[in-house]
N, C-alpha and C. Protein backbone atom coordinates (compact mmCIF):
# COMPACT_ATOMS: atom_id res chain seq x y z
N MET A 1 -8.07 31.82 -11.02
CA MET A 1 -7.62 30.71 -11.54
C MET A 1 -6.79 29.61 -10.66
N SER A 2 -7.34 29.07 -9.97
CA SER A 2 -6.56 27.53 -9.11
C SER A 2 -5.26 26.80 -9.39
N THR A 3 -4.64 26.52 -9.22
CA THR A 3 -3.67 25.31 -9.70
C THR A 3 -3.69 24.49 -9.37
N PRO A 4 -3.92 23.84 -10.48
CA PRO A 4 -4.44 22.59 -10.20
C PRO A 4 -2.69 21.32 -9.28
N LYS A 5 -3.86 20.80 -8.07
CA LYS A 5 -2.32 19.75 -7.71
C LYS A 5 -2.27 18.38 -7.75
N PHE A 6 -1.65 18.58 -8.89
CA PHE A 6 -1.02 17.66 -9.51
C PHE A 6 -0.52 16.02 -8.51
N LEU A 7 0.17 16.11 -7.95
CA LEU A 7 0.36 15.25 -6.79
C LEU A 7 -0.21 15.07 -5.94
N GLU A 8 -1.57 15.03 -5.81
CA GLU A 8 -2.05 15.84 -4.40
C GLU A 8 -2.16 13.67 -3.94
N ASP A 9 -2.81 12.92 -4.86
CA ASP A 9 -3.35 11.72 -4.09
C ASP A 9 -2.19 10.85 -4.59
N PHE A 10 -0.60 11.16 -4.30
CA PHE A 10 1.01 11.10 -3.68
C PHE A 10 1.42 11.42 -2.35
N VAL A 11 2.73 10.52 -1.76
CA VAL A 11 2.64 9.90 -1.05
C VAL A 11 4.40 10.04 -0.59
N THR A 12 5.53 10.38 -0.17
CA THR A 12 7.03 9.65 -0.67
C THR A 12 6.69 8.04 0.09
N LEU A 13 7.40 7.23 -0.12
CA LEU A 13 7.50 6.41 0.88
C LEU A 13 7.94 6.86 2.01
N GLU A 14 8.82 7.11 2.72
CA GLU A 14 8.59 7.11 3.91
C GLU A 14 6.59 8.01 4.20
N ASP A 15 6.61 8.47 4.01
CA ASP A 15 5.18 9.02 4.78
C ASP A 15 4.30 7.97 4.56
N PHE A 16 4.34 7.49 3.74
CA PHE A 16 3.30 6.02 3.37
C PHE A 16 3.76 5.07 4.86
N ALA A 17 4.68 4.66 4.56
CA ALA A 17 5.35 3.81 5.86
C ALA A 17 5.13 4.46 6.80
N ALA A 18 5.54 5.81 7.55
CA ALA A 18 4.61 6.49 9.03
C ALA A 18 3.36 6.07 8.83
N GLU A 19 2.11 5.96 7.88
CA GLU A 19 1.12 6.11 8.33
C GLU A 19 0.01 4.53 8.35
N ILE A 20 1.11 4.20 7.72
CA ILE A 20 0.78 2.76 8.00
C ILE A 20 1.41 2.01 9.43
N LYS A 21 2.21 2.84 9.88
CA LYS A 21 3.56 2.72 11.17
C LYS A 21 3.99 1.78 10.63
N ARG A 22 4.90 1.21 10.08
CA ARG A 22 5.77 0.47 9.53
C ARG A 22 7.28 1.37 9.04
N ASN A 23 8.65 0.66 9.21
CA ASN A 23 9.77 0.82 9.02
C ASN A 23 9.44 0.84 7.56
N PRO A 24 10.10 1.89 6.86
CA PRO A 24 10.09 2.64 5.70
C PRO A 24 10.92 1.06 4.61
N LYS A 25 11.74 0.29 5.28
CA LYS A 25 11.99 -0.87 4.24
C LYS A 25 10.81 -1.49 4.57
N THR A 26 9.65 -1.98 5.13
CA THR A 26 8.73 -2.63 4.83
C THR A 26 7.70 -2.10 3.47
N PRO A 27 7.22 -1.17 3.70
CA PRO A 27 6.71 -0.42 2.04
C PRO A 27 8.14 -1.13 0.86
N LYS A 28 9.29 -0.83 0.77
CA LYS A 28 10.20 -0.59 -0.33
C LYS A 28 10.32 -2.13 -0.84
N ARG A 29 10.77 -3.24 0.57
CA ARG A 29 10.35 -4.57 0.34
C ARG A 29 9.35 -5.15 -0.54
N TRP A 30 8.34 -4.69 -0.10
CA TRP A 30 7.08 -5.23 -1.14
C TRP A 30 7.14 -4.99 -2.24
N SER A 31 7.32 -3.52 -2.45
CA SER A 31 7.83 -2.99 -3.93
C SER A 31 8.30 -4.09 -4.64
N GLU A 32 9.33 -4.69 -4.34
CA GLU A 32 10.81 -5.63 -5.03
C GLU A 32 9.34 -6.58 -4.99
N GLN A 33 8.41 -7.32 -4.29
CA GLN A 33 8.04 -9.02 -4.52
C GLN A 33 7.33 -8.87 -6.12
N PRO A 34 7.64 -9.44 -6.53
CA PRO A 34 6.95 -9.55 -8.07
C PRO A 34 5.24 -8.69 -8.26
N ASP A 35 4.78 -9.23 -7.50
CA ASP A 35 3.11 -8.47 -7.39
C ASP A 35 3.14 -7.56 -6.00
N GLY A 36 4.16 -6.90 -6.04
CA GLY A 36 4.01 -6.21 -4.53
C GLY A 36 3.50 -4.49 -4.98
N LEU A 37 3.85 -3.84 -4.14
CA LEU A 37 2.98 -2.04 -3.97
C LEU A 37 3.64 -1.86 -5.49
N PRO A 38 2.72 -1.42 -5.69
CA PRO A 38 3.30 -0.18 -6.91
C PRO A 38 3.28 1.03 -6.51
N LEU A 39 4.77 1.54 -7.14
CA LEU A 39 5.31 3.08 -6.73
C LEU A 39 5.98 3.37 -8.29
N THR A 40 5.35 4.70 -7.98
CA THR A 40 5.63 5.50 -8.73
C THR A 40 6.82 6.30 -8.83
N TRP A 41 7.77 6.52 -9.43
CA TRP A 41 9.29 7.31 -9.06
C TRP A 41 9.60 8.71 -10.25
N LEU A 42 10.04 9.64 -8.90
CA LEU A 42 10.06 11.27 -9.26
C LEU A 42 11.28 11.89 -9.73
N GLY A 43 12.51 10.73 -10.09
CA GLY A 43 13.83 11.58 -10.06
C GLY A 43 13.75 10.11 -8.81
N LYS A 44 14.85 10.87 -8.38
CA LYS A 44 15.03 9.35 -7.35
C LYS A 44 14.27 8.77 -6.47
N THR A 45 13.09 10.01 -6.63
CA THR A 45 11.89 9.48 -4.91
C THR A 45 11.37 8.71 -5.28
N PRO A 46 10.83 7.68 -4.39
CA PRO A 46 9.66 6.77 -4.52
C PRO A 46 8.59 7.16 -4.30
N MET A 47 7.43 7.37 -5.33
CA MET A 47 6.31 7.92 -4.28
C MET A 47 5.14 6.85 -4.84
N VAL A 48 4.05 6.56 -3.02
CA VAL A 48 3.39 5.76 -3.44
C VAL A 48 1.89 6.73 -3.96
N HIS A 49 1.35 6.16 -4.67
CA HIS A 49 -0.08 6.91 -5.66
C HIS A 49 -1.08 6.67 -4.05
N ILE A 50 -1.55 6.98 -3.41
CA ILE A 50 -3.28 6.26 -2.12
C ILE A 50 -3.97 5.16 -2.79
N PRO A 51 -4.61 6.03 -3.88
CA PRO A 51 -5.97 5.14 -4.55
C PRO A 51 -5.65 3.85 -4.54
N THR A 52 -4.35 3.96 -5.46
CA THR A 52 -3.47 2.49 -5.95
C THR A 52 -3.12 1.62 -4.86
N ALA A 53 -2.48 2.12 -4.04
CA ALA A 53 -1.78 1.49 -2.76
C ALA A 53 -3.12 0.50 -2.02
N GLN A 54 -4.26 1.90 -1.66
CA GLN A 54 -5.28 0.87 -1.02
C GLN A 54 -6.20 -0.16 -2.12
N GLN A 55 -6.23 0.01 -3.16
CA GLN A 55 -6.14 -1.43 -4.19
C GLN A 55 -5.34 -2.59 -4.27
N TRP A 56 -4.49 -2.44 -3.90
CA TRP A 56 -3.05 -3.81 -3.87
C TRP A 56 -3.74 -4.26 -2.42
N LEU A 57 -3.47 -3.51 -0.92
CA LEU A 57 -4.01 -3.95 0.40
C LEU A 57 -5.59 -4.65 -0.31
N LEU A 58 -6.38 -4.25 0.26
CA LEU A 58 -7.31 -4.86 -0.36
C LEU A 58 -7.24 -6.15 -1.26
N SER A 59 -6.46 -6.56 -2.15
CA SER A 59 -6.48 -7.10 -3.00
C SER A 59 -5.40 -8.37 -2.04
N ARG A 60 -4.75 -8.45 -1.19
CA ARG A 60 -4.63 -9.11 -1.00
C ARG A 60 -5.15 -9.03 1.09
N MET A 61 -5.70 -8.93 0.54
CA MET A 61 -6.94 -9.13 2.34
C MET A 61 -7.48 -11.35 1.87
N LYS A 62 -6.62 -11.40 3.14
CA LYS A 62 -7.97 -12.91 2.92
C LYS A 62 -8.66 -13.13 3.63
N ARG A 63 -9.44 -14.29 2.80
CA ARG A 63 -10.82 -14.54 3.54
C ARG A 63 -11.15 -15.43 4.57
N PRO A 64 -11.46 -15.75 6.08
CA PRO A 64 -11.68 -17.42 6.24
C PRO A 64 -11.78 -18.39 5.02
N ASN A 65 -11.27 -19.78 5.15
CA ASN A 65 -11.86 -20.85 4.89
C ASN A 65 -13.62 -20.77 5.13
N PRO A 66 -14.16 -21.47 4.00
CA PRO A 66 -15.78 -21.65 4.28
C PRO A 66 -16.04 -22.68 5.65
N ARG A 67 -15.23 -23.18 4.99
CA ARG A 67 -15.33 -25.11 5.41
C ARG A 67 -14.79 -25.78 6.67
N ARG A 68 -14.21 -24.80 7.32
CA ARG A 68 -13.20 -25.16 9.05
C ARG A 68 -14.67 -24.09 9.60
N LYS A 69 -14.54 -24.83 10.68
CA LYS A 69 -15.59 -24.13 11.85
C LYS A 69 -14.56 -23.22 13.03
N SER A 70 -15.29 -22.37 13.00
CA SER A 70 -14.26 -21.32 14.19
C SER A 70 -14.21 -22.01 15.45
N ALA A 71 -13.21 -20.99 15.74
CA ALA A 71 -12.97 -22.01 17.15
C ALA A 71 -14.41 -21.99 17.97
N ALA A 72 -14.63 -20.98 18.36
CA ALA A 72 -15.89 -20.60 18.90
C ALA A 72 -17.46 -20.76 18.78
N SER A 73 -17.20 -21.67 17.60
CA SER A 73 -17.76 -22.72 17.20
C SER A 73 -18.16 -24.03 17.20
N ALA A 74 -17.32 -24.40 17.74
CA ALA A 74 -16.60 -26.33 17.71
C ALA A 74 -16.55 -26.08 19.27
């Protein structure tokens, strides 16, 4: 019987910051915003759930204003 990897989808805040090539203070600051990056605390260690972080990043995606003409077509 194999042991389940309960924390398989979680990384530390430092590992998350390294993955997105940011200072660890940046995702910590994001998590402190009203609609910020969700964190889970495991004792005193902040953990990022990768699928949730991906959804959070996708929800922040900006789309171009369709009423504006792009510089290439102007």
